[in-house]
Amino acid sequence: MFGLTSGYTIHIPETGASFNCKPQEMLLAAMMRLGKRGIPVGCRSGGCGVCKVQVQQGKYATGKMSRAHISEQEEQAGFVLACRCQPQSDLVITVVGQMRKATHRNEVSSSTAE
């Protein structure tokens, strides 16, 4: 029914990064394929909060996430844990959790070099 074999494109505008997420794959698994060192991988079940991102555009489904890390208000504003987020279309995301340092490594390096 999907008609998609390649999956969805995920964009991180702040860094210019784009990557593919396979159909029925969790966002965190796709992010790990970016090859960025230091992407933190915690519990992978929505309990630790290290993979917090905000979906700016696109459709997705989520599994159960700890309210200690994603409040109902945050969830309504598009905040999710990447380990519990399954894209259902192309997404535009902002990395806001502990993964930010790894995904923004070049940006951080250039801004701190003096």
C-alpha atoms as a PDB file:
ATOM      1  CA  MET A   1       0.000   0.000   0.000  1.00  0.00           C
ATOM      2  CA  PHE A   2       2.810   2.413   0.810  1.00  0.00           C
ATOM      3  CA  GLY A   3       4.400   2.300  -2.600  1.00  0.00           C
ATOM      4  CA  LEU A   4       7.604   3.536  -0.963  1.00  0.00           C
ATOM      5  CA  THR A   5      10.653   1.350  -0.956  1.00  0.00           C
ATOM      6  CA  SER A   6      13.206   4.011  -0.145  1.00  0.00           C
ATOM      7  CA  GLY A   7      11.461   5.559   2.846  1.00  0.00           C
ATOM      8  CA  TYR A   8      11.318   9.168   3.936  1.00  0.00           C
ATOM      9  CA  THR A   9      13.786  12.037   3.850  1.00  0.00           C
ATOM     10  CA  ILE A  10      14.561  13.664   7.194  1.00  0.00           C
ATOM     11  CA  HIS A  11      15.983  17.205   7.138  1.00  0.00           C
ATOM     12  CA  ILE A  12      17.839  19.059   9.911  1.00  0.00           C
ATOM     13  CA  PRO A  13      17.884  22.639   8.540  1.00  0.00           C
ATOM     14  CA  GLU A  14      20.270  23.992  11.189  1.00  0.00           C
ATOM     15  CA  THR A  15      23.058  21.707   9.994  1.00  0.00           C
ATOM     16  CA  GLY A  16      22.005  21.143   6.397  1.00  0.00           C
ATOM     17  CA  ALA A  17      21.936  17.388   7.033  1.00  0.00           C
ATOM     18  CA  SER A  18      19.417  15.147   5.285  1.00  0.00           C
ATOM     19  CA  PHE A  19      19.119  11.419   5.649  1.00  0.00           C
ATOM     20  CA  ASN A  20      16.794   8.562   4.798  1.00  0.00           C
ATOM     21  CA  CYS A  21      14.520   6.755   7.228  1.00  0.00           C
ATOM     22  CA  LYS A  22      13.199   3.426   6.008  1.00  0.00           C
ATOM     23  CA  PRO A  23       9.468   2.687   6.167  1.00  0.00           C
ATOM     24  CA  GLN A  24       8.528   1.442   9.651  1.00  0.00           C
ATOM     25  CA  GLU A  25      11.952   2.379  11.056  1.00  0.00           C
ATOM     26  CA  MET A  26      12.348   4.519  14.163  1.00  0.00           C
ATOM     27  CA  LEU A  27      13.913   7.929  13.645  1.00  0.00           C
ATOM     28  CA  LEU A  28      16.793   7.203  16.067  1.00  0.00           C
ATOM     29  CA  ALA A  29      17.917   4.160  14.044  1.00  0.00           C
ATOM     30  CA  ALA A  30      18.077   6.317  10.910  1.00  0.00           C
ATOM     31  CA  MET A  31      19.942   9.075  12.769  1.00  0.00           C
ATOM     32  CA  MET A  32      22.544   6.585  13.906  1.00  0.00           C
ATOM     33  CA  ARG A  33      23.361   5.849  10.246  1.00  0.00           C
ATOM     34  CA  LEU A  34      24.419   9.496   9.792  1.00  0.00           C
ATOM     35  CA  GLY A  35      27.838   8.374  10.975  1.00  0.00           C
ATOM     36  CA  LYS A  36      28.173  11.181  13.503  1.00  0.00           C
ATOM     37  CA  ARG A  37      30.281  10.162  16.460  1.00  0.00           C
ATOM     38  CA  GLY A  38      28.728  10.681  19.837  1.00  0.00           C
ATOM     39  CA  ILE A  39      25.044  10.297  18.996  1.00  0.00           C
ATOM     40  CA  PRO A  40      23.819   9.126  22.387  1.00  0.00           C
ATOM     41  CA  VAL A  41      21.752   5.985  22.420  1.00  0.00           C
ATOM     42  CA  GLY A  42      20.084   5.347  25.736  1.00  0.00           C
ATOM     43  CA  CYS A  43      17.330   2.934  26.551  1.00  0.00           C
ATOM     44  CA  ARG A  44      15.728   2.939  23.053  1.00  0.00           C
ATOM     45  CA  SER A  45      12.312   2.584  24.669  1.00  0.00           C
ATOM     46  CA  GLY A  46      11.254   6.156  25.450  1.00  0.00           C
ATOM     47  CA  GLY A  47      12.380   6.238  29.056  1.00  0.00           C
ATOM     48  CA  CYS A  48      15.700   8.094  29.215  1.00  0.00           C
ATOM     49  CA  GLY A  49      15.088  11.200  27.079  1.00  0.00           C
ATOM     50  CA  VAL A  50      18.520  11.514  25.463  1.00  0.00           C
ATOM     51  CA  CYS A  51      17.114  11.488  21.909  1.00  0.00           C
ATOM     52  CA  LYS A  52      14.681  14.405  22.181  1.00  0.00           C
ATOM     53  CA  VAL A  53      13.844  16.205  18.940  1.00  0.00           C
ATOM     54  CA  GLN A  54      11.117  18.523  17.712  1.00  0.00           C
ATOM     55  CA  VAL A  55       9.299  17.720  14.497  1.00  0.00           C
ATOM     56  CA  GLN A  56       8.726  20.987  12.659  1.00  0.00           C
ATOM     57  CA  GLN A  57       6.986  19.502   9.604  1.00  0.00           C
ATOM     58  CA  GLY A  58       5.680  16.126   8.542  1.00  0.00           C
ATOM     59  CA  LYS A  59       3.599  13.215   9.753  1.00  0.00           C
ATOM     60  CA  TYR A  60       4.754  10.626  12.255  1.00  0.00           C
ATOM     61  CA  ALA A  61       3.524   8.111  14.812  1.00  0.00           C
ATOM     62  CA  THR A  62       4.956   7.664  18.296  1.00  0.00           C
ATOM     63  CA  GLY A  63       5.092   4.903  20.831  1.00  0.00           C
ATOM     64  CA  LYS A  64       4.894   5.405  24.574  1.00  0.00           C
ATOM     65  CA  MET A  65       7.288   8.107  25.850  1.00  0.00           C
ATOM     66  CA  SER A  66       8.147   8.996  29.446  1.00  0.00           C
ATOM     67  CA  ARG A  67       6.253  12.095  30.650  1.00  0.00           C
ATOM     68  CA  ALA A  68       9.378  12.931  32.657  1.00  0.00           C
ATOM     69  CA  HIS A  69      11.004  13.801  29.303  1.00  0.00           C
ATOM     70  CA  ILE A  70       8.090  14.758  27.029  1.00  0.00           C
ATOM     71  CA  SER A  71       5.143  16.538  28.644  1.00  0.00           C
ATOM     72  CA  GLU A  72       1.713  16.520  27.017  1.00  0.00           C
ATOM     73  CA  GLN A  73       2.239  20.161  26.023  1.00  0.00           C
ATOM     74  CA  GLU A  74       5.618  19.375  24.459  1.00  0.00           C
ATOM     75  CA  GLU A  75       4.142  16.423  22.589  1.00  0.00           C
ATOM     76  CA  GLN A  76       1.404  18.678  21.183  1.00  0.00           C
ATOM     77  CA  ALA A  77       4.161  21.087  20.049  1.00  0.00           C
ATOM     78  CA  GLY A  78       5.906  18.287  18.100  1.00  0.00           C
ATOM     79  CA  PHE A  79       8.519  17.200  20.653  1.00  0.00           C
ATOM     80  CA  VAL A  80       9.223  13.467  20.533  1.00  0.00           C
ATOM     81  CA  LEU A  81      11.882  10.972  21.491  1.00  0.00           C
ATOM     82  CA  ALA A  82      13.552   9.798  18.283  1.00  0.00           C
ATOM     83  CA  CYS A  83      13.624   6.213  19.554  1.00  0.00           C
ATOM     84  CA  ARG A  84       9.815   6.221  19.671  1.00  0.00           C
ATOM     85  CA  CYS A  85       9.128   8.253  16.507  1.00  0.00           C
ATOM     86  CA  GLN A  86       8.248   6.517  13.250  1.00  0.00           C
ATOM     87  CA  PRO A  87       8.043   8.888  10.259  1.00  0.00           C
ATOM     88  CA  GLN A  88       5.013   8.572   7.998  1.00  0.00           C
ATOM     89  CA  SER A  89       6.189  11.278   5.577  1.00  0.00           C
ATOM     90  CA  ASP A  90       9.298  13.374   4.995  1.00  0.00           C
ATOM     91  CA  LEU A  91      10.148  15.284   8.195  1.00  0.00           C
ATOM     92  CA  VAL A  92      11.882  18.512   9.148  1.00  0.00           C
ATOM     93  CA  ILE A  93      13.307  18.236  12.674  1.00  0.00           C
ATOM     94  CA  THR A  94      15.233  20.277  15.211  1.00  0.00           C
ATOM     95  CA  VAL A  95      17.513  18.359  17.565  1.00  0.00           C
ATOM     96  CA  VAL A  96      16.971  19.678  21.086  1.00  0.00           C
ATOM     97  CA  GLY A  97      18.112  16.922  23.407  1.00  0.00           C
ATOM     98  CA  GLN A  98      21.504  15.528  24.282  1.00  0.00           C
ATOM     99  CA  MET A  99      22.027  14.519  20.630  1.00  0.00           C
ATOM    100  CA  ARG A 100      22.382  18.192  19.655  1.00  0.00           C
ATOM    101  CA  LYS A 101      26.115  18.223  20.408  1.00  0.00           C
ATOM    102  CA  ALA A 102      26.754  15.251  18.107  1.00  0.00           C
ATOM    103  CA  THR A 103      24.484  16.364  15.262  1.00  0.00           C
ATOM    104  CA  HIS A 104      25.759  19.952  15.391  1.00  0.00           C
ATOM    105  CA  ARG A 105      29.434  19.031  15.833  1.00  0.00           C
ATOM    106  CA  ASN A 106      30.757  21.095  12.897  1.00  0.00           C
ATOM    107  CA  GLU A 107      28.569  24.045  13.845  1.00  0.00           C
ATOM    108  CA  VAL A 108      29.829  23.912  17.453  1.00  0.00           C
ATOM    109  CA  SER A 109      33.464  23.546  16.391  1.00  0.00           C
ATOM    110  CA  SER A 110      33.377  26.531  14.064  1.00  0.00           C
ATOM    111  CA  SER A 111      31.618  28.776  16.562  1.00  0.00           C
ATOM    112  CA  THR A 112      34.009  27.999  19.403  1.00  0.00           C
ATOM    113  CA  ALA A 113      37.213  28.297  17.393  1.00  0.00           C
ATOM    114  CA  GLU A 114      38.801  31.688  17.852  1.00  0.00           C
END
